[in-house]
C-alpha atoms as a PDB file:
ATOM      1  CA  MET A   1     155.174 118.624 199.304  1.00  0.00           C
ATOM      2  CA  ILE A   2     154.486 117.430 195.761  1.00  0.00           C
ATOM      3  CA  THR A   3     155.684 113.836 195.408  1.00  0.00           C
ATOM      4  CA  PRO A   4     157.431 112.471 192.301  1.00  0.00           C
ATOM      5  CA  THR A   5     154.311 110.426 191.518  1.00  0.00           C
ATOM      6  CA  ALA A   6     152.149 113.553 191.657  1.00  0.00           C
ATOM      7  CA  MET A   7     154.468 115.268 189.171  1.00  0.00           C
ATOM      8  CA  ILE A   8     153.440 112.924 186.354  1.00  0.00           C
ATOM      9  CA  PRO A   9     149.873 114.255 185.902  1.00  0.00           C
ATOM     10  CA  VAL A  10     151.217 117.810 186.134  1.00  0.00           C
ATOM     11  CA  ALA A  11     153.665 117.045 183.326  1.00  0.00           C
ATOM     12  CA  LEU A  12     150.878 115.536 181.217  1.00  0.00           C
ATOM     13  CA  PHE A  13     148.751 118.611 181.888  1.00  0.00           C
ATOM     14  CA  ALA A  14     151.622 120.837 180.752  1.00  0.00           C
ATOM     15  CA  LEU A  15     152.107 118.788 177.595  1.00  0.00           C
ATOM     16  CA  ALA A  16     148.416 118.940 176.719  1.00  0.00           C
ATOM     17  CA  THR A  17     148.079 122.674 177.324  1.00  0.00           C
ATOM     18  CA  VAL A  18     151.389 124.235 176.318  1.00  0.00           C
ATOM     19  CA  GLY A  19     151.853 121.944 173.328  1.00  0.00           C
ATOM     20  CA  THR A  20     148.467 122.477 171.716  1.00  0.00           C
ATOM     21  CA  PRO A  21     147.605 125.367 169.353  1.00  0.00           C
ATOM     22  CA  GLY A  22     146.884 128.723 170.914  1.00  0.00           C
ATOM     23  CA  PRO A  23     147.975 132.361 170.581  1.00  0.00           C
ATOM     24  CA  ASN A  24     151.550 131.689 171.702  1.00  0.00           C
ATOM     25  CA  ASN A  25     152.144 128.749 169.389  1.00  0.00           C
ATOM     26  CA  VAL A  26     150.590 130.434 166.370  1.00  0.00           C
ATOM     27  CA  MET A  27     152.817 133.466 166.876  1.00  0.00           C
ATOM     28  CA  LEU A  28     155.890 131.296 167.456  1.00  0.00           C
ATOM     29  CA  THR A  29     155.257 129.490 164.175  1.00  0.00           C
ATOM     30  CA  ALA A  30     155.020 132.816 162.349  1.00  0.00           C
ATOM     31  CA  SER A  31     158.122 134.135 164.112  1.00  0.00           C
ATOM     32  CA  GLY A  32     160.115 130.979 163.416  1.00  0.00           C
ATOM     33  CA  ALA A  33     159.235 131.165 159.727  1.00  0.00           C
ATOM     34  CA  ARG A  34     160.185 134.821 159.395  1.00  0.00           C
ATOM     35  CA  TYR A  35     163.161 135.156 161.738  1.00  0.00           C
ATOM     36  CA  GLY A  36     164.377 131.594 162.250  1.00  0.00           C
ATOM     37  CA  TYR A  37     164.512 129.537 165.414  1.00  0.00           C
ATOM     38  CA  ARG A  38     167.522 131.244 166.966  1.00  0.00           C
ATOM     39  CA  ARG A  39     166.113 134.775 166.752  1.00  0.00           C
ATOM     40  CA  THR A  40     162.803 133.495 168.153  1.00  0.00           C
ATOM     41  CA  LEU A  41     164.471 132.268 171.361  1.00  0.00           C
ATOM     42  CA  THR A  42     163.846 135.622 173.094  1.00  0.00           C
ATOM     43  CA  HIS A  43     160.139 135.219 172.281  1.00  0.00           C
ATOM     44  CA  ILE A  44     160.179 131.711 173.783  1.00  0.00           C
ATOM     45  CA  ALA A  45     162.027 132.943 176.876  1.00  0.00           C
ATOM     46  CA  GLY A  46     159.490 135.734 177.315  1.00  0.00           C
ATOM     47  CA  ILE A  47     156.590 133.281 177.162  1.00  0.00           C
ATOM     48  CA  LEU A  48     158.220 131.084 179.791  1.00  0.00           C
ATOM     49  CA  GLY A  49     159.125 134.018 182.018  1.00  0.00           C
ATOM     50  CA  GLY A  50     155.708 135.652 181.840  1.00  0.00           C
ATOM     51  CA  SER A  51     153.919 132.354 182.366  1.00  0.00           C
ATOM     52  CA  ALA A  52     156.088 131.567 185.390  1.00  0.00           C
ATOM     53  CA  MET A  53     155.215 134.899 187.010  1.00  0.00           C
ATOM     54  CA  LEU A  54     151.536 134.323 186.316  1.00  0.00           C
ATOM     55  CA  TYR A  55     151.571 130.778 187.730  1.00  0.00           C
ATOM     56  CA  MET A  56     153.296 131.970 190.894  1.00  0.00           C
ATOM     57  CA  GLY A  57     150.828 134.816 191.213  1.00  0.00           C
ATOM     58  CA  MET A  58     147.937 132.373 190.868  1.00  0.00           C
ATOM     59  CA  ALA A  59     149.340 130.207 193.643  1.00  0.00           C
ATOM     60  CA  PHE A  60     149.512 133.213 195.959  1.00  0.00           C
ATOM     61  CA  GLY A  61     145.955 134.392 195.401  1.00  0.00           C
ATOM     62  CA  LEU A  62     145.868 136.203 192.073  1.00  0.00           C
ATOM     63  CA  GLY A  63     143.511 133.569 190.689  1.00  0.00           C
ATOM     64  CA  ALA A  64     141.014 134.079 193.514  1.00  0.00           C
ATOM     65  CA  LEU A  65     141.136 137.830 192.961  1.00  0.00           C
ATOM     66  CA  PHE A  66     140.543 137.342 189.249  1.00  0.00           C
ATOM     67  CA  GLN A  67     137.563 135.043 189.826  1.00  0.00           C
ATOM     68  CA  ARG A  68     136.022 137.350 192.424  1.00  0.00           C
ATOM     69  CA  TYR A  69     135.953 140.577 190.448  1.00  0.00           C
ATOM     70  CA  GLU A  70     134.117 140.369 187.119  1.00  0.00           C
ATOM     71  CA  LEU A  71     135.316 143.826 186.088  1.00  0.00           C
ATOM     72  CA  LEU A  72     138.887 142.533 186.170  1.00  0.00           C
ATOM     73  CA  GLN A  73     137.870 139.627 183.944  1.00  0.00           C
ATOM     74  CA  TYR A  74     136.231 141.947 181.417  1.00  0.00           C
ATOM     75  CA  ALA A  75     139.251 144.257 181.424  1.00  0.00           C
ATOM     76  CA  LEU A  76     141.599 141.337 180.817  1.00  0.00           C
ATOM     77  CA  ARG A  77     139.452 140.028 177.983  1.00  0.00           C
ATOM     78  CA  ALA A  78     139.289 143.442 176.335  1.00  0.00           C
ATOM     79  CA  LEU A  79     143.046 143.945 176.677  1.00  0.00           C
ATOM     80  CA  GLY A  80     143.795 140.441 175.406  1.00  0.00           C
ATOM     81  CA  ALA A  81     141.453 140.792 172.426  1.00  0.00           C
ATOM     82  CA  ALA A  82     142.852 144.194 171.454  1.00  0.00           C
ATOM     83  CA  TYR A  83     146.468 143.053 171.685  1.00  0.00           C
ATOM     84  CA  LEU A  84     145.792 139.837 169.788  1.00  0.00           C
ATOM     85  CA  LEU A  85     144.164 141.801 166.968  1.00  0.00           C
ATOM     86  CA  TYR A  86     147.142 144.156 166.891  1.00  0.00           C
ATOM     87  CA  LEU A  87     149.565 141.236 166.672  1.00  0.00           C
ATOM     88  CA  ALA A  88     147.377 139.599 164.022  1.00  0.00           C
ATOM     89  CA  TRP A  89     147.557 142.765 161.911  1.00  0.00           C
ATOM     90  CA  ARG A  90     151.311 142.985 162.482  1.00  0.00           C
ATOM     91  CA  ILE A  91     151.782 139.398 161.267  1.00  0.00           C
ATOM     92  CA  ALA A  92     149.358 139.583 158.337  1.00  0.00           C
ATOM     93  CA  SER A  93     150.716 142.890 157.010  1.00  0.00           C
ATOM     94  CA  ALA A  94     154.403 142.002 157.328  1.00  0.00           C
ATOM     95  CA  PRO A  95     156.224 142.081 153.976  1.00  0.00           C
ATOM     96  CA  PRO A  96     158.223 139.072 152.806  1.00  0.00           C
ATOM     97  CA  PRO A  97     161.669 139.065 154.473  1.00  0.00           C
ATOM     98  CA  ASN A  98     163.478 139.843 151.223  1.00  0.00           C
ATOM     99  CA  LEU A  99     161.207 142.867 150.645  1.00  0.00           C
ATOM    100  CA  ASP A 100     161.582 144.353 154.114  1.00  0.00           C
ATOM    101  CA  VAL A 101     163.609 147.313 152.905  1.00  0.00           C
ATOM    102  CA  ALA A 102     163.276 149.163 156.200  1.00  0.00           C
ATOM    103  CA  GLY A 103     165.048 146.331 157.991  1.00  0.00           C
ATOM    104  CA  ASP A 104     163.353 147.150 161.291  1.00  0.00           C
ATOM    105  CA  ALA A 105     161.232 144.007 161.532  1.00  0.00           C
ATOM    106  CA  ARG A 106     162.030 141.928 164.608  1.00  0.00           C
ATOM    107  CA  PRO A 107     160.512 139.148 166.691  1.00  0.00           C
ATOM    108  CA  LEU A 108     158.790 139.937 169.972  1.00  0.00           C
ATOM    109  CA  SER A 109     161.252 140.882 172.702  1.00  0.00           C
ATOM    110  CA  PHE A 110     161.450 139.101 176.037  1.00  0.00           C
ATOM    111  CA  LEU A 111     159.457 141.826 177.788  1.00  0.00           C
ATOM    112  CA  GLU A 112     156.793 141.996 175.057  1.00  0.00           C
ATOM    113  CA  ALA A 113     156.264 138.235 175.090  1.00  0.00           C
ATOM    114  CA  ALA A 114     156.273 138.108 178.907  1.00  0.00           C
ATOM    115  CA  ALA A 115     153.758 140.947 179.199  1.00  0.00           C
ATOM    116  CA  PHE A 116     151.464 139.296 176.675  1.00  0.00           C
ATOM    117  CA  GLN A 117     151.023 136.295 178.961  1.00  0.00           C
ATOM    118  CA  PHE A 118     149.066 138.493 181.372  1.00  0.00           C
ATOM    119  CA  ALA A 119     146.632 139.263 178.556  1.00  0.00           C
ATOM    120  CA  ASN A 120     146.589 135.735 177.143  1.00  0.00           C
ATOM    121  CA  PRO A 121     143.332 134.006 178.181  1.00  0.00           C
ATOM    122  CA  LYS A 122     144.725 130.515 177.543  1.00  0.00           C
ATOM    123  CA  VAL A 123     147.569 131.043 180.013  1.00  0.00           C
ATOM    124  CA  TRP A 124     145.145 132.389 182.623  1.00  0.00           C
ATOM    125  CA  VAL A 125     142.960 129.291 182.258  1.00  0.00           C
ATOM    126  CA  MET A 126     146.052 127.100 182.454  1.00  0.00           C
ATOM    127  CA  GLY A 127     147.199 128.859 185.633  1.00  0.00           C
ATOM    128  CA  LEU A 128     143.792 128.645 187.275  1.00  0.00           C
ATOM    129  CA  THR A 129     143.491 124.941 186.457  1.00  0.00           C
ATOM    130  CA  LEU A 130     147.069 124.246 187.539  1.00  0.00           C
ATOM    131  CA  THR A 131     146.657 125.748 190.999  1.00  0.00           C
ATOM    132  CA  ALA A 132     143.109 124.482 191.545  1.00  0.00           C
ATOM    133  CA  SER A 133     143.883 120.903 190.502  1.00  0.00           C
ATOM    134  CA  PHE A 134     147.498 120.282 191.492  1.00  0.00           C
ATOM    135  CA  LEU A 135     148.539 122.721 194.236  1.00  0.00           C
ATOM    136  CA  PRO A 136     148.478 120.799 197.563  1.00  0.00           C
ATOM    137  CA  GLU A 137     146.487 122.326 200.393  1.00  0.00           C
ATOM    138  CA  GLN A 138     149.190 121.322 202.861  1.00  0.00           C
ATOM    139  CA  GLY A 139     152.924 121.854 202.858  1.00  0.00           C
ATOM    140  CA  PRO A 140     155.082 124.889 202.064  1.00  0.00           C
ATOM    141  CA  LEU A 141     153.174 127.042 199.563  1.00  0.00           C
ATOM    142  CA  LEU A 142     156.246 128.657 198.026  1.00  0.00           C
ATOM    143  CA  LEU A 143     158.036 125.355 197.454  1.00  0.00           C
ATOM    144  CA  ASN A 144     154.944 123.670 196.004  1.00  0.00           C
ATOM    145  CA  ALA A 145     154.284 126.630 193.699  1.00  0.00           C
ATOM    146  CA  LEU A 146     157.905 126.592 192.531  1.00  0.00           C
ATOM    147  CA  VAL A 147     157.740 122.859 191.787  1.00  0.00           C
ATOM    148  CA  LEU A 148     154.525 123.231 189.750  1.00  0.00           C
ATOM    149  CA  THR A 149     155.953 126.184 187.856  1.00  0.00           C
ATOM    150  CA  ALA A 150     159.221 124.359 187.192  1.00  0.00           C
ATOM    151  CA  ILE A 151     157.357 121.377 185.722  1.00  0.00           C
ATOM    152  CA  MET A 152     155.356 123.680 183.456  1.00  0.00           C
ATOM    153  CA  LEU A 153     158.555 125.331 182.247  1.00  0.00           C
ATOM    154  CA  VAL A 154     160.539 122.116 181.756  1.00  0.00           C
ATOM    155  CA  VAL A 155     157.752 120.557 179.707  1.00  0.00           C
ATOM    156  CA  GLY A 156     156.846 123.842 178.044  1.00  0.00           C
ATOM    157  CA  LEU A 157     160.288 124.612 176.629  1.00  0.00           C
ATOM    158  CA  PRO A 158     160.413 121.721 174.111  1.00  0.00           C
ATOM    159  CA  CYS A 159     156.744 122.278 173.236  1.00  0.00           C
ATOM    160  CA  LEU A 160     157.297 125.943 172.411  1.00  0.00           C
ATOM    161  CA  SER A 161     160.573 125.128 170.664  1.00  0.00           C
ATOM    162  CA  PHE A 162     158.745 122.644 168.444  1.00  0.00           C
ATOM    163  CA  TRP A 163     156.383 125.329 167.119  1.00  0.00           C
ATOM    164  CA  ALA A 164     159.218 127.791 166.506  1.00  0.00           C
ATOM    165  CA  ALA A 165     161.287 125.111 164.754  1.00  0.00           C
ATOM    166  CA  PHE A 166     158.232 124.062 162.745  1.00  0.00           C
ATOM    167  CA  GLY A 167     157.881 127.643 161.568  1.00  0.00           C
ATOM    168  CA  SER A 168     161.570 127.780 160.714  1.00  0.00           C
ATOM    169  CA  VAL A 169     161.152 124.756 158.433  1.00  0.00           C
ATOM    170  CA  ILE A 170     158.175 126.411 156.738  1.00  0.00           C
ATOM    171  CA  GLY A 171     160.241 129.553 156.235  1.00  0.00           C
ATOM    172  CA  ARG A 172     162.788 127.590 154.215  1.00  0.00           C
ATOM    173  CA  ILE A 173     160.036 126.252 151.969  1.00  0.00           C
ATOM    174  CA  LEU A 174     158.449 129.618 151.180  1.00  0.00           C
ATOM    175  CA  GLY A 175     160.461 130.667 148.181  1.00  0.00           C
ATOM    176  CA  THR A 176     158.412 133.473 146.636  1.00  0.00           C
ATOM    177  CA  ALA A 177     157.030 136.804 147.794  1.00  0.00           C
ATOM    178  CA  ARG A 178     153.499 135.613 146.988  1.00  0.00           C
ATOM    179  CA  ALA A 179     153.919 132.495 149.138  1.00  0.00           C
ATOM    180  CA  TRP A 180     155.159 134.656 152.013  1.00  0.00           C
ATOM    181  CA  ARG A 181     152.196 137.018 151.727  1.00  0.00           C
ATOM    182  CA  ILE A 182     149.743 134.102 151.756  1.00  0.00           C
ATOM    183  CA  PHE A 183     151.512 132.559 154.750  1.00  0.00           C
ATOM    184  CA  ASN A 184     151.507 135.853 156.663  1.00  0.00           C
ATOM    185  CA  ILE A 185     147.812 136.397 155.986  1.00  0.00           C
ATOM    186  CA  VAL A 186     146.978 132.847 157.107  1.00  0.00           C
ATOM    187  CA  MET A 187     148.999 133.182 160.316  1.00  0.00           C
ATOM    188  CA  GLY A 188     147.529 136.621 161.003  1.00  0.00           C
ATOM    189  CA  THR A 189     144.034 135.232 160.500  1.00  0.00           C
ATOM    190  CA  LEU A 190     144.736 132.337 162.869  1.00  0.00           C
ATOM    191  CA  THR A 191     146.043 134.778 165.467  1.00  0.00           C
ATOM    192  CA  ALA A 192     142.918 136.909 165.117  1.00  0.00           C
ATOM    193  CA  ALA A 193     140.773 133.776 165.402  1.00  0.00           C
ATOM    194  CA  CYS A 194     142.250 133.201 168.857  1.00  0.00           C
ATOM    195  CA  VAL A 195     140.104 136.110 170.000  1.00  0.00           C
ATOM    196  CA  GLY A 196     137.314 133.544 169.924  1.00  0.00           C
ATOM    197  CA  PHE A 197     138.863 131.947 173.017  1.00  0.00           C
ATOM    198  CA  ILE A 198     138.199 135.207 174.851  1.00  0.00           C
ATOM    199  CA  ILE A 199     134.652 135.740 173.591  1.00  0.00           C
ATOM    200  CA  VAL A 200     133.472 132.182 174.169  1.00  0.00           C
ATOM    201  CA  ASP A 201     135.157 131.759 177.558  1.00  0.00           C
END
Protein backbone atom coordinates (compact mmCIF):
# COMPACT_ATOMS: atom_id res chain seq x y z
CA MET A 1 0.00 0.00 0.00
CA ILE A 2 1.24 3.49 -0.86
CA THR A 3 1.95 5.38 2.37
CA PRO A 4 1.14 9.08 2.88
CA THR A 5 4.88 9.84 2.82
CA ALA A 6 5.24 8.10 -0.54
CA MET A 7 2.43 10.23 -1.95
CA ILE A 8 4.51 13.41 -1.74
CA PRO A 9 6.99 12.55 -4.53
CA VAL A 10 4.08 11.34 -6.67
CA ALA A 11 2.36 14.70 -6.20
CA LEU A 12 5.57 16.54 -7.11
CA PHE A 13 5.92 14.34 -10.19
CA ALA A 14 2.35 15.19 -11.19
CA LEU A 15 2.98 18.90 -10.70
CA ALA A 16 6.14 18.83 -12.79
CA THR A 17 4.61 16.84 -15.65
CA VAL A 18 0.98 17.92 -15.88
CA GLY A 19 1.74 21.56 -15.13
CA THR A 20 4.47 22.08 -17.71
CA PRO A 21 3.85 22.97 -21.39
CA GLY A 22 2.83 20.18 -23.70
CA PRO A 23 0.11 19.39 -26.26
CA ASN A 24 -2.71 19.41 -23.70
CA ASN A 25 -1.76 22.71 -22.09
CA VAL A 26 -1.16 24.48 -25.38
CA MET A 27 -4.59 23.41 -26.61
CA LEU A 28 -6.23 24.36 -23.31
CA THR A 29 -4.74 27.84 -23.55
CA ALA A 30 -6.12 28.23 -27.07
CA SER A 31 -9.51 26.84 -26.02
CA GLY A 32 -9.70 29.06 -22.94
CA ALA A 33 -8.96 32.14 -25.04
CA ARG A 34 -11.56 31.31 -27.68
CA TYR A 35 -14.36 29.73 -25.65
CA GLY A 36 -13.70 30.83 -22.08
CA TYR A 37 -12.87 28.75 -19.04
CA ARG A 38 -16.36 27.39 -18.43
CA ARG A 39 -16.84 25.98 -21.94
CA THR A 40 -13.35 24.45 -21.76
CA LEU A 41 -14.27 22.36 -18.70
CA THR A 42 -15.39 19.44 -20.90
CA HIS A 43 -11.94 19.50 -22.53
CA ILE A 44 -10.29 19.43 -19.09
CA ALA A 45 -12.56 16.59 -17.95
CA GLY A 46 -11.71 14.62 -21.08
CA ILE A 47 -7.98 15.01 -20.45
CA LEU A 48 -8.38 13.79 -16.88
CA GLY A 49 -10.64 10.90 -17.87
CA GLY A 50 -8.44 9.72 -20.73
CA SER A 51 -5.29 10.05 -18.66
CA ALA A 52 -6.85 8.08 -15.81
CA MET A 53 -7.74 5.20 -18.14
CA LEU A 54 -4.23 5.23 -19.57
CA TYR A 55 -2.56 5.25 -16.14
CA MET A 56 -4.70 2.33 -14.99
CA GLY A 57 -3.94 0.46 -18.19
CA MET A 58 -0.22 1.03 -17.65
CA ALA A 59 -0.44 -0.39 -14.14
CA PHE A 60 -2.09 -3.54 -15.47
CA GLY A 61 0.45 -4.25 -18.18
CA LEU A 62 -0.29 -1.92 -21.07
CA GLY A 63 3.07 -0.22 -20.59
CA ALA A 64 4.96 -3.52 -20.88
CA LEU A 65 3.03 -4.36 -24.04
CA PHE A 66 3.85 -0.95 -25.49
CA GLN A 67 7.57 -1.29 -24.71
CA ARG A 68 7.74 -4.83 -26.11
CA TYR A 69 6.27 -4.23 -29.54
CA GLU A 70 8.03 -1.55 -31.59
CA LEU A 71 5.32 -1.61 -34.25
CA LEU A 72 2.83 -0.42 -31.64
CA GLN A 73 5.17 2.42 -30.72
CA TYR A 74 5.52 3.50 -34.35
CA ALA A 75 1.76 3.32 -34.87
CA LEU A 76 1.14 5.46 -31.79
CA ARG A 77 3.70 8.02 -32.89
CA ALA A 78 2.21 8.23 -36.38
CA LEU A 79 -1.32 8.57 -35.00
CA GLY A 80 -0.25 11.16 -32.43
CA ALA A 81 1.67 13.21 -35.00
CA ALA A 82 -1.19 13.16 -37.51
CA TYR A 83 -3.79 14.17 -34.93
CA LEU A 84 -1.61 16.91 -33.48
CA LEU A 85 -1.09 18.38 -36.95
CA TYR A 86 -4.83 18.25 -37.56
CA LEU A 87 -5.53 20.05 -34.28
CA ALA A 88 -2.77 22.56 -35.06
CA TRP A 89 -4.43 23.36 -38.39
CA ARG A 90 -7.83 23.59 -36.70
CA ILE A 91 -6.48 26.10 -34.16
CA ALA A 92 -4.40 28.15 -36.60
CA SER A 93 -7.17 28.44 -39.21
CA ALA A 94 -9.96 29.29 -36.77
CA PRO A 95 -11.54 32.70 -37.47
CA PRO A 96 -11.80 35.29 -34.71
CA PRO A 97 -14.83 34.55 -32.50
CA ASN A 98 -16.74 37.61 -33.72
CA LEU A 99 -16.21 36.53 -37.35
CA ASP A 100 -17.32 32.93 -36.89
CA VAL A 101 -20.51 33.39 -38.88
CA ALA A 102 -21.18 29.66 -39.09
CA GLY A 103 -21.38 29.47 -35.31
CA ASP A 104 -20.36 25.81 -35.29
CA ALA A 105 -16.98 26.27 -33.61
CA ARG A 106 -16.72 24.42 -30.30
CA PRO A 107 -14.08 23.21 -27.87
CA LEU A 108 -13.01 19.57 -27.84
CA SER A 109 -15.67 17.30 -26.36
CA PHE A 110 -15.04 14.98 -23.44
CA LEU A 111 -14.65 11.96 -25.73
CA GLU A 112 -12.36 13.78 -28.18
CA ALA A 113 -10.07 15.00 -25.41
CA ALA A 114 -10.08 11.60 -23.68
CA ALA A 115 -9.27 9.75 -26.90
CA PHE A 116 -6.42 12.12 -27.66
CA GLN A 117 -4.61 11.05 -24.49
CA PHE A 118 -4.01 7.64 -26.06
CA ALA A 119 -2.21 9.37 -28.93
CA ASN A 120 -0.44 11.92 -26.74
CA PRO A 121 3.23 10.89 -26.34
CA LYS A 122 3.72 13.05 -23.24
CA VAL A 123 0.94 11.25 -21.37
CA TRP A 124 2.36 7.86 -22.38
CA VAL A 125 5.78 8.84 -21.02
CA MET A 126 4.14 10.14 -17.86
CA GLY A 127 2.23 6.88 -17.41
CA LEU A 128 5.28 4.72 -18.01
CA THR A 129 7.36 6.74 -15.55
CA LEU A 130 4.55 6.81 -12.99
CA THR A 131 4.12 3.04 -12.89
CA ALA A 132 7.83 2.22 -13.19
CA SER A 133 8.91 4.64 -10.45
CA PHE A 134 6.04 4.77 -7.97
CA LEU A 135 3.89 1.63 -8.29
CA PRO A 136 4.82 -0.70 -5.37
CA GLU A 137 5.77 -4.25 -6.24
CA GLN A 138 3.85 -5.52 -3.22
CA GLY A 139 0.33 -4.89 -2.03
CA PRO A 140 -3.01 -4.80 -3.84
CA LEU A 141 -2.35 -3.74 -7.44
CA LEU A 142 -5.79 -2.26 -8.05
CA LEU A 143 -5.74 -0.15 -4.89
CA ASN A 144 -2.20 1.10 -5.51
CA ALA A 145 -3.02 1.96 -9.13
CA LEU A 146 -6.14 3.83 -8.03
CA VAL A 147 -4.17 5.82 -5.45
CA LEU A 148 -1.51 6.82 -8.01
CA THR A 149 -4.16 7.78 -10.54
CA ALA A 150 -6.11 9.76 -7.96
CA ILE A 151 -3.01 11.77 -7.02
CA MET A 152 -2.34 12.54 -10.68
CA LEU A 153 -5.92 13.73 -11.12
CA VAL A 154 -6.08 15.79 -7.92
CA VAL A 155 -2.85 17.59 -8.76
CA GLY A 156 -3.63 17.70 -12.47
CA LEU A 157 -6.98 19.46 -12.19
CA PRO A 158 -5.64 22.82 -10.91
CA CYS A 159 -2.69 22.60 -13.32
CA LEU A 160 -4.95 22.13 -16.34
CA SER A 161 -7.38 24.74 -15.01
CA PHE A 162 -4.54 27.24 -14.78
CA TRP A 163 -3.76 26.94 -18.50
CA ALA A 164 -7.42 27.23 -19.49
CA ALA A 165 -7.89 30.25 -17.21
CA PHE A 166 -4.68 31.77 -18.55
CA GLY A 167 -6.09 31.45 -22.05
CA SER A 168 -9.37 32.99 -20.92
CA VAL A 169 -7.49 36.06 -19.67
CA ILE A 170 -5.67 36.34 -23.00
CA GLY A 171 -8.99 36.10 -24.81
CA ARG A 172 -10.23 39.21 -23.01
CA ILE A 173 -7.13 41.12 -24.10
CA LEU A 174 -7.37 40.26 -27.79
CA GLY A 175 -9.59 43.03 -29.03
CA THR A 176 -9.13 42.96 -32.81
CA ALA A 177 -9.56 40.39 -35.56
CA ARG A 178 -5.89 40.77 -36.49
CA ALA A 179 -4.77 40.06 -32.91
CA TRP A 180 -6.96 36.94 -32.87
CA ARG A 181 -5.51 35.69 -36.15
CA ILE A 182 -1.95 36.18 -34.89
CA PHE A 183 -2.80 34.43 -31.62
CA ASN A 184 -4.43 31.49 -33.42
CA ILE A 185 -1.46 31.09 -35.74
CA VAL A 186 0.98 31.19 -32.81
CA MET A 187 -1.01 28.61 -30.83
CA GLY A 188 -1.41 26.41 -33.91
CA THR A 189 2.33 26.60 -34.54
CA LEU A 190 3.09 25.66 -30.93
CA THR A 191 0.71 22.71 -31.19
CA ALA A 192 2.41 21.56 -34.39
CA ALA A 193 5.80 21.97 -32.71
CA CYS A 194 4.73 19.38 -30.14
CA VAL A 195 5.17 16.82 -32.90
CA GLY A 196 8.86 17.20 -32.10
CA PHE A 197 8.23 15.33 -28.84
CA ILE A 198 7.19 12.34 -30.94
CA ILE A 199 10.05 12.50 -33.44
CA VAL A 200 12.80 13.01 -30.88
CA ASP A 201 11.48 10.47 -28.37
